């Protein structure tokens, strides 16, 4: 798994590439907490999962833990996720109801527009 982040207007785009599986969960949580500390209260977060090619139950659990981290953070950023339309990740988000915690979008631009308006 590779994690990259970059700035977009009013947001941090947190990109995940590769598998989001058991062995990657600690690194994901650590990096996400680091991003929460960096942004303070000035930005929202887009989780770009368009390059995720595998996700297991530990990956789903890590996303739920990330939501918990957001809720308990001082910053309280709004968060959206980007998944490829029709992908297994999108179906998984809907089946597990993660789409109720992280609104899904097809592009980073759409997610940024949603979060900053």
C-alpha atoms as a PDB file:
ATOM      1  CA  UNK A   1       0.000   0.000   0.000  1.00  0.00           C
ATOM      2  CA  UNK A   2       1.165   3.490  -0.850  1.00  0.00           C
ATOM      3  CA  UNK A   3      -0.307   6.577   0.796  1.00  0.00           C
ATOM      4  CA  UNK A   4       0.026  10.001  -0.773  1.00  0.00           C
ATOM      5  CA  UNK A   5      -1.555  13.268   0.154  1.00  0.00           C
ATOM      6  CA  UNK A   6      -1.764  16.633  -1.490  1.00  0.00           C
ATOM      7  CA  UNK A   7      -3.619  19.886  -1.062  1.00  0.00           C
ATOM      8  CA  UNK A   8      -6.697  20.879  -3.007  1.00  0.00           C
ATOM      9  CA  UNK A   9      -8.733  24.051  -2.439  1.00  0.00           C
ATOM     10  CA  UNK A  10      -9.930  23.784   1.176  1.00  0.00           C
ATOM     11  CA  UNK A  11      -9.081  20.067   1.355  1.00  0.00           C
ATOM     12  CA  UNK A  12      -6.378  17.497   1.814  1.00  0.00           C
ATOM     13  CA  UNK A  13      -6.604  14.635  -0.694  1.00  0.00           C
ATOM     14  CA  UNK A  14      -5.503  11.440   1.023  1.00  0.00           C
ATOM     15  CA  UNK A  15      -4.759   8.912  -1.742  1.00  0.00           C
ATOM     16  CA  UNK A  16      -4.483   5.189  -1.105  1.00  0.00           C
ATOM     17  CA  UNK A  17      -2.916   2.925  -3.729  1.00  0.00           C
ATOM     18  CA  UNK A  18      -2.753  -0.869  -3.729  1.00  0.00           C
ATOM     19  CA  UNK A  19      -4.315  -3.157  -1.160  1.00  0.00           C
ATOM     20  CA  UNK A  20      -6.092  -2.045   1.969  1.00  0.00           C
ATOM     21  CA  UNK A  21      -5.626  -5.277   3.870  1.00  0.00           C
ATOM     22  CA  UNK A  22      -4.690  -6.535   7.316  1.00  0.00           C
ATOM     23  CA  UNK A  23      -0.957  -5.886   7.021  1.00  0.00           C
ATOM     24  CA  UNK A  24      -1.531  -2.291   5.877  1.00  0.00           C
ATOM     25  CA  UNK A  25      -3.972  -1.170   8.577  1.00  0.00           C
ATOM     26  CA  UNK A  26      -1.418   0.132  11.123  1.00  0.00           C
ATOM     27  CA  UNK A  27       0.330   2.292   8.503  1.00  0.00           C
ATOM     28  CA  UNK A  28      -2.986   3.677   7.270  1.00  0.00           C
ATOM     29  CA  UNK A  29      -4.136   4.646  10.768  1.00  0.00           C
ATOM     30  CA  UNK A  30      -0.766   6.225  11.577  1.00  0.00           C
ATOM     31  CA  UNK A  31      -0.710   8.329   8.396  1.00  0.00           C
ATOM     32  CA  UNK A  32      -4.323   9.381   8.772  1.00  0.00           C
ATOM     33  CA  UNK A  33      -3.762  10.534  12.348  1.00  0.00           C
ATOM     34  CA  UNK A  34      -0.747  12.478  11.094  1.00  0.00           C
ATOM     35  CA  UNK A  35      -2.904  14.187   8.466  1.00  0.00           C
ATOM     36  CA  UNK A  36      -5.515  15.076  11.112  1.00  0.00           C
ATOM     37  CA  UNK A  37      -2.784  16.736  13.173  1.00  0.00           C
ATOM     38  CA  UNK A  38      -1.403  18.615  10.159  1.00  0.00           C
ATOM     39  CA  UNK A  39      -4.643  20.097   8.901  1.00  0.00           C
ATOM     40  CA  UNK A  40      -5.829  21.656  12.131  1.00  0.00           C
ATOM     41  CA  UNK A  41      -9.267  23.114  11.570  1.00  0.00           C
ATOM     42  CA  UNK A  42      -8.564  24.616   8.168  1.00  0.00           C
ATOM     43  CA  UNK A  43      -9.287  21.777   5.758  1.00  0.00           C
ATOM     44  CA  UNK A  44     -11.588  18.918   4.927  1.00  0.00           C
ATOM     45  CA  UNK A  45     -10.440  15.466   3.797  1.00  0.00           C
ATOM     46  CA  UNK A  46     -10.985  13.562   0.561  1.00  0.00           C
ATOM     47  CA  UNK A  47     -10.020   9.881   0.742  1.00  0.00           C
ATOM     48  CA  UNK A  48      -9.182   8.861  -2.822  1.00  0.00           C
ATOM     49  CA  UNK A  49      -9.597   5.096  -3.164  1.00  0.00           C
ATOM     50  CA  UNK A  50      -9.671   4.928  -6.962  1.00  0.00           C
ATOM     51  CA  UNK A  51      -6.327   3.077  -6.987  1.00  0.00           C
ATOM     52  CA  UNK A  52      -7.231   0.575  -4.245  1.00  0.00           C
ATOM     53  CA  UNK A  53      -7.230  -2.880  -5.799  1.00  0.00           C
ATOM     54  CA  UNK A  54      -8.087  -4.992  -2.759  1.00  0.00           C
ATOM     55  CA  UNK A  55      -9.851  -4.441   0.538  1.00  0.00           C
ATOM     56  CA  UNK A  56     -10.588  -6.943   3.298  1.00  0.00           C
ATOM     57  CA  UNK A  57     -12.437  -6.847   6.616  1.00  0.00           C
ATOM     58  CA  UNK A  58      -9.428  -5.280   8.348  1.00  0.00           C
ATOM     59  CA  UNK A  59      -9.451  -2.535   5.711  1.00  0.00           C
ATOM     60  CA  UNK A  60     -13.152  -1.918   6.347  1.00  0.00           C
ATOM     61  CA  UNK A  61     -12.423  -1.844  10.082  1.00  0.00           C
ATOM     62  CA  UNK A  62      -9.644   0.692   9.545  1.00  0.00           C
ATOM     63  CA  UNK A  63     -12.029   2.991   7.663  1.00  0.00           C
ATOM     64  CA  UNK A  64     -14.488   2.744  10.547  1.00  0.00           C
ATOM     65  CA  UNK A  65     -11.661   3.550  12.981  1.00  0.00           C
ATOM     66  CA  UNK A  66     -10.714   6.542  10.810  1.00  0.00           C
ATOM     67  CA  UNK A  67     -14.285   7.763  11.119  1.00  0.00           C
ATOM     68  CA  UNK A  68     -13.988   7.430  14.901  1.00  0.00           C
ATOM     69  CA  UNK A  69     -10.715   9.388  14.807  1.00  0.00           C
ATOM     70  CA  UNK A  70     -12.457  12.154  12.862  1.00  0.00           C
ATOM     71  CA  UNK A  71     -15.391  12.346  15.248  1.00  0.00           C
ATOM     72  CA  UNK A  72     -13.095  12.628  18.275  1.00  0.00           C
ATOM     73  CA  UNK A  73     -10.585  15.022  16.679  1.00  0.00           C
ATOM     74  CA  UNK A  74     -10.499  18.697  17.605  1.00  0.00           C
ATOM     75  CA  UNK A  75     -10.635  19.739  13.947  1.00  0.00           C
ATOM     76  CA  UNK A  76     -13.889  17.923  13.034  1.00  0.00           C
ATOM     77  CA  UNK A  77     -13.233  18.001   9.281  1.00  0.00           C
ATOM     78  CA  UNK A  78     -15.857  16.898   6.802  1.00  0.00           C
ATOM     79  CA  UNK A  79     -14.791  13.835   4.825  1.00  0.00           C
ATOM     80  CA  UNK A  80     -15.747  12.343   1.473  1.00  0.00           C
ATOM     81  CA  UNK A  81     -14.416   9.320  -0.365  1.00  0.00           C
ATOM     82  CA  UNK A  82     -13.677   8.821  -4.066  1.00  0.00           C
ATOM     83  CA  UNK A  83     -14.293   5.358  -5.496  1.00  0.00           C
ATOM     84  CA  UNK A  84     -14.556   4.227  -9.095  1.00  0.00           C
ATOM     85  CA  UNK A  85     -18.190   3.957 -10.142  1.00  0.00           C
ATOM     86  CA  UNK A  86     -19.301   0.331 -10.363  1.00  0.00           C
ATOM     87  CA  UNK A  87     -16.145  -0.945  -8.648  1.00  0.00           C
ATOM     88  CA  UNK A  88     -16.082  -3.595  -5.955  1.00  0.00           C
ATOM     89  CA  UNK A  89     -14.981  -0.877  -3.519  1.00  0.00           C
ATOM     90  CA  UNK A  90     -18.097   1.165  -4.296  1.00  0.00           C
ATOM     91  CA  UNK A  91     -20.328  -1.893  -3.805  1.00  0.00           C
ATOM     92  CA  UNK A  92     -18.534  -2.674  -0.552  1.00  0.00           C
ATOM     93  CA  UNK A  93     -19.093   0.875   0.691  1.00  0.00           C
ATOM     94  CA  UNK A  94     -22.800   0.534   0.035  1.00  0.00           C
ATOM     95  CA  UNK A  95     -23.115  -2.988   1.494  1.00  0.00           C
ATOM     96  CA  UNK A  96     -21.326  -2.059   4.713  1.00  0.00           C
ATOM     97  CA  UNK A  97     -23.108   1.315   4.949  1.00  0.00           C
ATOM     98  CA  UNK A  98     -19.779   3.166   4.953  1.00  0.00           C
ATOM     99  CA  UNK A  99     -21.381   5.446   2.378  1.00  0.00           C
ATOM    100  CA  UNK A 100     -23.440   6.852   5.282  1.00  0.00           C
ATOM    101  CA  UNK A 101     -20.219   7.869   7.069  1.00  0.00           C
ATOM    102  CA  UNK A 102     -18.192   8.915   4.021  1.00  0.00           C
ATOM    103  CA  UNK A 103     -20.244  10.244   1.088  1.00  0.00           C
ATOM    104  CA  UNK A 104     -18.898   8.577  -2.095  1.00  0.00           C
ATOM    105  CA  UNK A 105     -18.022  10.487  -5.264  1.00  0.00           C
ATOM    106  CA  UNK A 106     -16.674   9.471  -8.669  1.00  0.00           C
ATOM    107  CA  UNK A 107     -13.977  12.137  -8.873  1.00  0.00           C
ATOM    108  CA  UNK A 108     -11.775  14.145  -6.541  1.00  0.00           C
ATOM    109  CA  UNK A 109     -13.147  17.352  -8.097  1.00  0.00           C
ATOM    110  CA  UNK A 110     -16.722  16.361  -7.214  1.00  0.00           C
ATOM    111  CA  UNK A 111     -15.716  15.466  -3.652  1.00  0.00           C
ATOM    112  CA  UNK A 112     -13.820  18.758  -3.185  1.00  0.00           C
ATOM    113  CA  UNK A 113     -16.785  20.728  -4.556  1.00  0.00           C
ATOM    114  CA  UNK A 114     -19.133  18.953  -2.124  1.00  0.00           C
ATOM    115  CA  UNK A 115     -16.897  19.571   0.879  1.00  0.00           C
ATOM    116  CA  UNK A 116     -16.135  23.217   0.152  1.00  0.00           C
ATOM    117  CA  UNK A 117     -19.659  24.457  -0.610  1.00  0.00           C
END
